C-alpha atoms as a PDB file:
ATOM      1  CA  MET A   1      32.630   5.510  18.056  1.00  0.00           C
ATOM      2  CA  GLU A   2      31.091   4.859  14.538  1.00  0.00           C
ATOM      3  CA  GLU A   3      27.608   5.889  13.317  1.00  0.00           C
ATOM      4  CA  PRO A   4      25.367   3.070  13.091  1.00  0.00           C
ATOM      5  CA  GLN A   5      24.528   1.604   9.544  1.00  0.00           C
ATOM      6  CA  PHE A   6      21.072   0.517   8.829  1.00  0.00           C
ATOM      7  CA  ILE A   7      19.881  -2.070   6.272  1.00  0.00           C
ATOM      8  CA  PRO A   8      17.458  -0.664   3.474  1.00  0.00           C
ATOM      9  CA  TYR A   9      13.625  -0.662   4.391  1.00  0.00           C
ATOM     10  CA  GLU A  10      12.835  -3.206   1.932  1.00  0.00           C
ATOM     11  CA  GLN A  11      15.348  -5.637   3.242  1.00  0.00           C
ATOM     12  CA  ALA A  12      14.282  -5.016   6.675  1.00  0.00           C
ATOM     13  CA  LYS A  13      10.562  -5.895   5.711  1.00  0.00           C
ATOM     14  CA  LYS A  14      11.923  -9.286   4.331  1.00  0.00           C
ATOM     15  CA  ILE A  15      13.872  -9.879   7.214  1.00  0.00           C
ATOM     16  CA  VAL A  16      11.765  -8.971  10.179  1.00  0.00           C
ATOM     17  CA  ALA A  17       8.835 -11.207  11.077  1.00  0.00           C
ATOM     18  CA  GLU A  18       7.626  -9.561  14.203  1.00  0.00           C
ATOM     19  CA  VAL A  19       8.071  -6.609  16.677  1.00  0.00           C
ATOM     20  CA  VAL A  20       7.069  -7.375  20.189  1.00  0.00           C
ATOM     21  CA  GLU A  21       6.436  -5.017  23.084  1.00  0.00           C
ATOM     22  CA  MET A  22       7.811  -6.535  26.183  1.00  0.00           C
ATOM     23  CA  GLU A  23       9.395  -5.580  29.622  1.00  0.00           C
ATOM     24  CA  HIS A  24      13.115  -5.542  29.675  1.00  0.00           C
ATOM     25  CA  PRO A  25      14.397  -8.773  30.983  1.00  0.00           C
ATOM     26  CA  THR A  26      16.778  -7.058  33.615  1.00  0.00           C
ATOM     27  CA  GLU A  27      15.337  -3.687  34.395  1.00  0.00           C
ATOM     28  CA  ASN A  28      11.989  -3.754  35.910  1.00  0.00           C
ATOM     29  CA  GLY A  29       9.443  -1.186  34.507  1.00  0.00           C
ATOM     30  CA  LYS A  30      11.502  -0.496  31.386  1.00  0.00           C
ATOM     31  CA  ARG A  31       9.657  -1.362  28.057  1.00  0.00           C
ATOM     32  CA  ILE A  32      11.614  -2.684  24.932  1.00  0.00           C
ATOM     33  CA  PHE A  33      10.471  -3.465  21.288  1.00  0.00           C
ATOM     34  CA  SER A  34      12.321  -6.886  20.447  1.00  0.00           C
ATOM     35  CA  VAL A  35      12.637  -7.520  16.755  1.00  0.00           C
ATOM     36  CA  TYR A  36      12.456 -11.181  15.609  1.00  0.00           C
ATOM     37  CA  ASN A  37      13.187 -12.818  12.351  1.00  0.00           C
ATOM     38  CA  HIS A  38      11.576 -15.491  10.635  1.00  0.00           C
ATOM     39  CA  ARG A  39      13.273 -18.255  12.651  1.00  0.00           C
ATOM     40  CA  GLY A  40      11.919 -16.795  15.856  1.00  0.00           C
ATOM     41  CA  GLU A  41      15.415 -15.415  16.685  1.00  0.00           C
ATOM     42  CA  ALA A  42      15.590 -11.992  18.428  1.00  0.00           C
ATOM     43  CA  ILE A  43      17.855  -9.907  16.114  1.00  0.00           C
ATOM     44  CA  CYS A  44      17.824  -6.661  18.063  1.00  0.00           C
ATOM     45  CA  TRP A  45      15.604  -4.409  20.431  1.00  0.00           C
ATOM     46  CA  PHE A  46      14.748  -0.839  20.934  1.00  0.00           C
ATOM     47  CA  ASP A  47      14.033   1.170  24.220  1.00  0.00           C
ATOM     48  CA  ALA A  48      10.399   1.591  23.695  1.00  0.00           C
ATOM     49  CA  ASN A  49      10.236   5.186  25.298  1.00  0.00           C
ATOM     50  CA  GLU A  50      13.028   6.461  22.999  1.00  0.00           C
ATOM     51  CA  VAL A  51      11.109   5.156  19.840  1.00  0.00           C
ATOM     52  CA  GLU A  52       7.868   6.635  20.983  1.00  0.00           C
ATOM     53  CA  GLU A  53       9.621  10.063  21.624  1.00  0.00           C
ATOM     54  CA  GLU A  54      11.033   9.862  18.048  1.00  0.00           C
ATOM     55  CA  ILE A  55       7.628   9.554  16.383  1.00  0.00           C
ATOM     56  CA  GLU A  56       3.970  10.340  16.828  1.00  0.00           C
ATOM     57  CA  ALA A  57       2.299   6.927  16.549  1.00  0.00           C
ATOM     58  CA  GLU A  58      -1.192   6.257  17.072  1.00  0.00           C
ATOM     59  CA  GLU A  59      -1.158   2.625  16.010  1.00  0.00           C
ATOM     60  CA  PHE A  60       1.489  -0.115  16.732  1.00  0.00           C
ATOM     61  CA  GLU A  61       1.926  -0.651  12.938  1.00  0.00           C
ATOM     62  CA  ASP A  62       3.339   2.977  12.608  1.00  0.00           C
ATOM     63  CA  VAL A  63       5.752   2.009  15.530  1.00  0.00           C
ATOM     64  CA  LYS A  64       6.758  -1.156  13.641  1.00  0.00           C
ATOM     65  CA  ASP A  65       7.176   0.693  10.387  1.00  0.00           C
ATOM     66  CA  HIS A  66       9.527   3.268  12.122  1.00  0.00           C
ATOM     67  CA  ILE A  67      11.772   0.395  13.532  1.00  0.00           C
ATOM     68  CA  LEU A  68      12.008  -1.243  10.093  1.00  0.00           C
ATOM     69  CA  HIS A  69      13.941   1.986   9.090  1.00  0.00           C
ATOM     70  CA  LEU A  70      16.245   1.380  12.055  1.00  0.00           C
ATOM     71  CA  ILE A  71      17.515  -2.227  11.622  1.00  0.00           C
ATOM     72  CA  PRO A  72      21.231  -2.148  12.121  1.00  0.00           C
ATOM     73  CA  ASP A  73      23.468  -3.928   9.639  1.00  0.00           C
ATOM     74  CA  TRP A  74      25.059  -6.075  12.288  1.00  0.00           C
ATOM     75  CA  ALA A  75      21.598  -7.763  13.102  1.00  0.00           C
ATOM     76  CA  VAL A  76      21.497  -9.443   9.851  1.00  0.00           C
END
């Protein structure tokens, strides 16, 4: 399996309009962070527990900033 490729942070800041915490649509009790572009389209999502384990974030803006470093190239 290939290693994921990520777009540059500055490009992600231009593409990503919103990161929303929500419940997974098919797995009850599982939280995800859905990432939306400026057209309101979901471009990718992340397991909330995994992201929160990777960083020590006190504010949601810290989570969003971390996610902007992880936008896969296939999402754009």
